Amino acid sequence: MKIINLTPHAITFIVRGNESLIIEPSGKVARVSFEAKQINTIDGIPVMQNVYGDIVDLPSPQENTIYLVSSIVASRCTNRDDVYIPNDSIRDGQGRIIGCQSLARV
């Protein structure tokens, strides 16, 4: 199975004990377009409403290929069975994500 990482970050899967599989970014980032509209202010702080639009830079399905994307992209792709997110995060002692243990569909 070919795994294409459409996020801007390398994704480390820690599997089979402590073995790591690192999926490097592909150079293309799938995103959901959005427009931020100011709807209010609170104590001088702008309050924005994000209006989400179309998915950008998600390739068409390819045989034996899955795509790793952000949660927001995956949430807009409920009709696609080839779109996944990293799941079961593993954190270091300072709370930073250092890897994940599985894939998930949204």
C-alpha atoms as a PDB file:
ATOM      1  CA  MET A   1       0.000   0.000   0.000  1.00  0.00           C
ATOM      2  CA  LYS A   2       1.328   3.438  -0.919  1.00  0.00           C
ATOM      3  CA  ILE A   3       0.908   6.072   1.827  1.00  0.00           C
ATOM      4  CA  ILE A   4       1.051   9.730   0.773  1.00  0.00           C
ATOM      5  CA  ASN A   5       1.412  12.336   3.503  1.00  0.00           C
ATOM      6  CA  LEU A   6      -0.555  15.459   2.525  1.00  0.00           C
ATOM      7  CA  THR A   7       0.310  17.326   5.752  1.00  0.00           C
ATOM      8  CA  PRO A   8       3.256  19.714   6.199  1.00  0.00           C
ATOM      9  CA  HIS A   9       4.857  17.490   8.880  1.00  0.00           C
ATOM     10  CA  ALA A  10       6.579  14.119   8.950  1.00  0.00           C
ATOM     11  CA  ILE A  11       4.331  11.576  10.669  1.00  0.00           C
ATOM     12  CA  THR A  12       5.953   8.949  12.861  1.00  0.00           C
ATOM     13  CA  PHE A  13       4.109   5.710  13.509  1.00  0.00           C
ATOM     14  CA  ILE A  14       5.403   3.724  16.443  1.00  0.00           C
ATOM     15  CA  VAL A  15       4.411   0.147  15.781  1.00  0.00           C
ATOM     16  CA  ARG A  16       5.425  -3.364  16.827  1.00  0.00           C
ATOM     17  CA  GLY A  17       6.855  -2.291  20.149  1.00  0.00           C
ATOM     18  CA  ASN A  18       9.158   0.651  19.566  1.00  0.00           C
ATOM     19  CA  GLU A  19       9.839   0.365  15.832  1.00  0.00           C
ATOM     20  CA  SER A  20       9.199   3.598  13.943  1.00  0.00           C
ATOM     21  CA  LEU A  21       7.847   4.165  10.478  1.00  0.00           C
ATOM     22  CA  ILE A  22       8.237   7.773   9.353  1.00  0.00           C
ATOM     23  CA  ILE A  23       6.087   9.073   6.501  1.00  0.00           C
ATOM     24  CA  GLU A  24       7.659  12.264   5.173  1.00  0.00           C
ATOM     25  CA  PRO A  25       5.527  15.086   3.747  1.00  0.00           C
ATOM     26  CA  SER A  26       4.862  14.729   0.033  1.00  0.00           C
ATOM     27  CA  GLY A  27       5.381  18.422  -0.650  1.00  0.00           C
ATOM     28  CA  LYS A  28       1.687  18.922  -1.334  1.00  0.00           C
ATOM     29  CA  VAL A  29      -0.662  19.873   1.519  1.00  0.00           C
ATOM     30  CA  ALA A  30      -4.377  19.102   1.350  1.00  0.00           C
ATOM     31  CA  ARG A  31      -6.393  21.863   2.986  1.00  0.00           C
ATOM     32  CA  VAL A  32      -9.927  23.122   3.356  1.00  0.00           C
ATOM     33  CA  SER A  33     -10.331  26.651   2.062  1.00  0.00           C
ATOM     34  CA  PHE A  34     -11.846  29.132   4.458  1.00  0.00           C
ATOM     35  CA  GLU A  35     -12.663  32.757   4.882  1.00  0.00           C
ATOM     36  CA  ALA A  36     -12.435  34.437   8.270  1.00  0.00           C
ATOM     37  CA  LYS A  37     -15.151  37.030   8.885  1.00  0.00           C
ATOM     38  CA  GLN A  38     -15.127  39.315  11.878  1.00  0.00           C
ATOM     39  CA  ILE A  39     -18.480  39.042  13.642  1.00  0.00           C
ATOM     40  CA  ASN A  40     -17.829  40.875  16.903  1.00  0.00           C
ATOM     41  CA  THR A  41     -15.244  42.168  19.338  1.00  0.00           C
ATOM     42  CA  ILE A  42     -14.808  41.311  22.999  1.00  0.00           C
ATOM     43  CA  ASP A  43     -12.716  43.746  25.037  1.00  0.00           C
ATOM     44  CA  GLY A  44     -11.080  44.907  21.819  1.00  0.00           C
ATOM     45  CA  ILE A  45     -10.279  41.354  20.669  1.00  0.00           C
ATOM     46  CA  PRO A  46     -11.744  40.512  17.256  1.00  0.00           C
ATOM     47  CA  VAL A  47     -14.154  37.572  17.248  1.00  0.00           C
ATOM     48  CA  MET A  48     -13.971  35.747  13.944  1.00  0.00           C
ATOM     49  CA  GLN A  49     -16.161  33.187  12.249  1.00  0.00           C
ATOM     50  CA  ASN A  50     -14.403  30.778   9.921  1.00  0.00           C
ATOM     51  CA  VAL A  51     -16.506  29.827   6.932  1.00  0.00           C
ATOM     52  CA  TYR A  52     -15.121  26.628   5.425  1.00  0.00           C
ATOM     53  CA  GLY A  53     -15.265  25.882   1.725  1.00  0.00           C
ATOM     54  CA  ASP A  54     -13.812  23.358  -0.681  1.00  0.00           C
ATOM     55  CA  ILE A  55     -11.006  20.855  -0.213  1.00  0.00           C
ATOM     56  CA  VAL A  56      -7.838  21.989  -1.954  1.00  0.00           C
ATOM     57  CA  ASP A  57      -4.982  19.780  -3.241  1.00  0.00           C
ATOM     58  CA  LEU A  58      -6.457  16.370  -2.434  1.00  0.00           C
ATOM     59  CA  PRO A  59      -5.650  14.041  -5.336  1.00  0.00           C
ATOM     60  CA  SER A  60      -8.245  11.781  -6.883  1.00  0.00           C
ATOM     61  CA  PRO A  61      -8.387   8.246  -5.511  1.00  0.00           C
ATOM     62  CA  GLN A  62      -5.627   5.959  -6.779  1.00  0.00           C
ATOM     63  CA  GLU A  63      -5.539   2.184  -6.536  1.00  0.00           C
ATOM     64  CA  ASN A  64      -3.554   0.862  -3.527  1.00  0.00           C
ATOM     65  CA  THR A  65      -2.952   4.403  -2.229  1.00  0.00           C
ATOM     66  CA  ILE A  66      -4.069   6.143   0.945  1.00  0.00           C
ATOM     67  CA  TYR A  67      -3.694   9.790   1.899  1.00  0.00           C
ATOM     68  CA  LEU A  68      -2.780  11.147   5.341  1.00  0.00           C
ATOM     69  CA  VAL A  69      -4.493  14.477   5.959  1.00  0.00           C
ATOM     70  CA  SER A  70      -5.506  16.799   8.778  1.00  0.00           C
ATOM     71  CA  SER A  71      -8.646  16.105  10.785  1.00  0.00           C
ATOM     72  CA  ILE A  72     -10.502  19.007   9.197  1.00  0.00           C
ATOM     73  CA  VAL A  73      -9.788  17.730   5.683  1.00  0.00           C
ATOM     74  CA  ALA A  74     -10.793  14.193   6.669  1.00  0.00           C
ATOM     75  CA  SER A  75     -14.031  15.470   8.208  1.00  0.00           C
ATOM     76  CA  ARG A  76     -14.990  16.872   4.803  1.00  0.00           C
ATOM     77  CA  CYS A  77     -14.156  13.614   2.975  1.00  0.00           C
ATOM     78  CA  THR A  78     -16.770  11.257   4.369  1.00  0.00           C
ATOM     79  CA  ASN A  79     -17.345   9.872   0.871  1.00  0.00           C
ATOM     80  CA  ARG A  80     -13.692   8.797   0.495  1.00  0.00           C
ATOM     81  CA  ASP A  81     -12.344   5.535   1.902  1.00  0.00           C
ATOM     82  CA  ASP A  82      -8.729   6.420   1.062  1.00  0.00           C
ATOM     83  CA  VAL A  83      -8.385   9.409   3.436  1.00  0.00           C
ATOM     84  CA  TYR A  84      -6.940   8.858   6.920  1.00  0.00           C
ATOM     85  CA  ILE A  85      -5.622  10.792   9.903  1.00  0.00           C
ATOM     86  CA  PRO A  86      -2.873   9.861  12.375  1.00  0.00           C
ATOM     87  CA  ASN A  87      -4.451   8.408  15.526  1.00  0.00           C
ATOM     88  CA  ASP A  88      -3.562   7.379  19.089  1.00  0.00           C
ATOM     89  CA  SER A  89      -0.945  10.066  19.694  1.00  0.00           C
ATOM     90  CA  ILE A  90       2.124   9.312  21.782  1.00  0.00           C
ATOM     91  CA  ARG A  91       3.514  12.237  23.785  1.00  0.00           C
ATOM     92  CA  ASP A  92       6.845  12.862  25.457  1.00  0.00           C
ATOM     93  CA  GLY A  93       7.273  14.002  29.048  1.00  0.00           C
ATOM     94  CA  GLN A  94       6.578  17.607  28.036  1.00  0.00           C
ATOM     95  CA  GLY A  95       3.322  16.790  26.269  1.00  0.00           C
ATOM     96  CA  ARG A  96       4.665  17.108  22.715  1.00  0.00           C
ATOM     97  CA  ILE A  97       3.433  14.607  20.156  1.00  0.00           C
ATOM     98  CA  ILE A  98       6.319  12.357  19.110  1.00  0.00           C
ATOM     99  CA  GLY A  99       4.354   9.808  17.141  1.00  0.00           C
ATOM    100  CA  CYS A 100       1.137   7.888  16.793  1.00  0.00           C
ATOM    101  CA  GLN A 101       0.086   4.269  16.933  1.00  0.00           C
ATOM    102  CA  SER A 102      -2.615   3.923  14.286  1.00  0.00           C
ATOM    103  CA  LEU A 103      -4.575   5.369  11.407  1.00  0.00           C
ATOM    104  CA  ALA A 104      -8.212   6.472  11.652  1.00  0.00           C
ATOM    105  CA  ARG A 105     -11.022   7.443   9.333  1.00  0.00           C
ATOM    106  CA  VAL A 106     -13.349  10.269  10.255  1.00  0.00           C
END
